Amino acid sequence: MAIKHVEPYSDEWLQQPISYVQRVVELLGSEVSDWWEGPCDPRDATVKLTDGTALVWDEESGWRLGRFVAGGRGQHTELSGVRYLGHGLLPRPERVREALRDARAGVGASSAWRPCYRSHRNCRDGFDVALDFYSRLIDA
């Protein structure tokens, strides 16, 4: 299988995180009231939960949980009381539910400190290859 790198800022590159986030949304099921993709620099997505909180994923620090304050399609979401879920930048979707439970309880790998796994400016660091894995799963 050939490794596919996507041209930064192309439509395909902008859409890459969607398949990953869709998989997380599917696994969270009825806890999700809505979700949308945000802008880029960094690319992000918001998953609004039924309890008034939201999960936000971005390509620099992974998942974070907080009380939803403001945001919408094409905007960066504002949260209060943020806790980062841990488990890396792109944890397996199956692990996000467990990490969400830990963050709500303030235990496990969750933290109030923002991790920085990469910079969105490093467009050719191979992260697109990891995201492409989820695109291929959805397309299969």
Protein backbone atom coordinates (compact mmCIF):
# COMPACT_ATOMS: atom_id res chain seq x y z
CA MET A 1 0.00 0.00 0.00
CA ALA A 2 1.38 3.40 -0.96
CA ILE A 3 1.54 6.21 1.57
CA LYS A 4 -0.56 9.14 0.48
CA HIS A 5 0.36 12.67 1.49
CA VAL A 6 -2.30 15.29 0.91
CA GLU A 7 -1.45 18.77 -0.29
CA PRO A 8 -1.86 21.22 2.64
CA TYR A 9 -4.86 23.56 2.42
CA SER A 10 -6.44 21.58 -0.42
CA ASP A 11 -10.12 20.64 -0.03
CA GLU A 12 -9.09 17.06 0.73
CA TRP A 13 -6.68 18.23 3.44
CA LEU A 14 -9.32 20.48 5.02
CA GLN A 15 -11.78 17.55 5.11
CA GLN A 16 -9.35 14.97 6.53
CA PRO A 17 -10.34 15.21 10.22
CA ILE A 18 -14.04 14.69 9.47
CA SER A 19 -13.86 10.89 9.15
CA TYR A 20 -12.05 10.60 12.48
CA VAL A 21 -14.52 12.88 14.28
CA GLN A 22 -17.50 11.11 12.68
CA ARG A 23 -16.25 7.82 14.09
CA VAL A 24 -16.02 9.34 17.59
CA VAL A 25 -19.53 10.81 17.22
CA GLU A 26 -20.91 7.40 16.21
CA LEU A 27 -19.36 5.76 19.27
CA LEU A 28 -20.65 8.46 21.66
CA GLY A 29 -24.14 7.90 20.25
CA SER A 30 -26.99 9.47 22.20
CA GLU A 31 -24.63 11.65 24.25
CA VAL A 32 -24.15 13.85 21.16
CA SER A 33 -26.65 16.61 20.40
CA ASP A 34 -24.75 18.13 17.44
CA TRP A 35 -21.31 18.35 15.90
CA TRP A 36 -19.53 20.48 13.33
CA GLU A 37 -16.16 21.19 11.86
CA GLY A 38 -14.41 24.40 12.72
CA PRO A 39 -11.97 26.46 10.72
CA CYS A 40 -8.34 25.62 10.14
CA ASP A 41 -5.11 26.92 11.65
CA PRO A 42 -5.53 24.64 13.51
CA ARG A 43 -8.13 22.34 11.98
CA ASP A 44 -10.71 21.51 14.63
CA ALA A 45 -14.14 20.04 15.26
CA THR A 46 -16.72 20.43 18.01
CA VAL A 47 -18.97 17.71 19.43
CA LYS A 48 -21.73 19.28 21.50
CA LEU A 49 -23.00 16.92 24.20
CA THR A 50 -26.50 16.67 25.63
CA ASP A 51 -25.39 17.74 29.12
CA GLY A 52 -24.33 21.25 27.98
CA THR A 53 -20.66 20.42 27.62
CA ALA A 54 -18.70 19.99 24.43
CA LEU A 55 -15.70 18.07 23.21
CA VAL A 56 -13.36 19.94 20.89
CA TRP A 57 -10.64 18.22 18.89
CA ASP A 58 -7.83 20.13 17.25
CA GLU A 59 -4.75 19.03 15.38
CA GLU A 60 -2.33 20.47 17.96
CA SER A 61 -3.64 19.32 21.34
CA GLY A 62 -6.19 16.57 20.70
CA TRP A 63 -9.47 16.38 22.63
CA ARG A 64 -10.65 18.73 25.35
CA LEU A 65 -13.88 18.89 27.34
CA GLY A 66 -15.55 21.94 28.80
CA ARG A 67 -18.80 23.77 29.32
CA PHE A 68 -19.99 25.10 25.93
CA VAL A 69 -19.86 28.92 25.90
CA ALA A 70 -19.98 29.90 22.22
CA GLY A 71 -19.21 28.66 18.74
CA GLY A 72 -20.73 27.24 15.62
CA ARG A 73 -19.98 25.92 12.19
CA GLY A 74 -16.82 27.42 10.78
CA GLN A 75 -15.85 29.04 14.10
CA HIS A 76 -13.46 28.09 16.88
CA THR A 77 -15.50 26.98 19.90
CA GLU A 78 -15.15 28.68 23.26
CA LEU A 79 -15.32 26.46 26.35
CA SER A 80 -15.02 27.13 30.07
CA GLY A 81 -13.55 24.80 32.70
CA VAL A 82 -11.45 22.95 30.12
CA ARG A 83 -9.86 19.56 30.73
CA TYR A 84 -7.70 17.89 28.08
CA LEU A 85 -8.49 14.21 27.67
CA GLY A 86 -4.96 12.93 27.20
CA HIS A 87 -4.06 9.73 25.32
CA GLY A 88 -2.34 11.65 22.53
CA LEU A 89 -3.32 13.70 19.56
CA LEU A 90 -5.37 11.07 17.78
CA PRO A 91 -6.53 8.47 20.31
CA ARG A 92 -8.45 5.54 18.90
CA PRO A 93 -12.12 6.56 18.73
CA GLU A 94 -12.98 3.66 21.06
CA ARG A 95 -10.82 5.25 23.78
CA VAL A 96 -12.43 8.69 23.61
CA ARG A 97 -15.52 7.60 25.61
CA GLU A 98 -13.31 6.25 28.42
CA ALA A 99 -11.16 9.38 28.33
CA LEU A 100 -14.32 11.53 28.46
CA ARG A 101 -15.46 9.70 31.59
CA ASP A 102 -12.05 10.27 33.20
CA ALA A 103 -12.04 13.97 32.28
CA ARG A 104 -15.50 14.43 33.79
CA ALA A 105 -14.21 12.86 37.00
CA GLY A 106 -10.91 14.78 36.86
CA VAL A 107 -8.83 11.59 36.93
CA GLY A 108 -6.70 9.46 34.65
CA ALA A 109 -4.75 11.10 31.84
CA SER A 110 -6.98 14.19 31.80
CA SER A 111 -5.43 17.51 32.70
CA ALA A 112 -6.23 21.21 32.87
CA TRP A 113 -2.86 21.83 31.17
CA ARG A 114 -2.89 22.09 27.40
CA PRO A 115 -0.60 19.61 25.69
CA CYS A 116 0.98 20.59 22.39
CA TYR A 117 1.72 17.47 20.36
CA ARG A 118 2.50 19.33 17.12
CA SER A 119 2.06 22.67 15.41
CA HIS A 120 -0.53 23.10 12.69
CA ARG A 121 2.23 24.89 10.75
CA ASN A 122 4.07 21.56 10.33
CA CYS A 123 1.95 20.56 7.36
CA ARG A 124 4.35 17.91 6.06
CA ASP A 125 5.09 16.04 9.29
CA GLY A 126 3.13 12.89 8.37
CA PHE A 127 0.03 13.68 10.44
CA ASP A 128 -2.05 13.64 7.23
CA VAL A 129 -1.14 9.96 6.84
CA ALA A 130 -2.62 9.15 10.28
CA LEU A 131 -5.81 11.05 9.45
CA ASP A 132 -6.03 9.33 6.06
CA PHE A 133 -6.34 5.99 7.87
CA TYR A 134 -9.78 7.07 9.17
CA SER A 135 -10.82 8.39 5.75
CA ARG A 136 -10.13 4.97 4.27
CA LEU A 137 -12.14 3.26 7.03
CA ILE A 138 -15.21 5.40 6.28
CA ASP A 139 -14.84 4.97 2.52
CA ALA A 140 -14.47 1.17 2.76
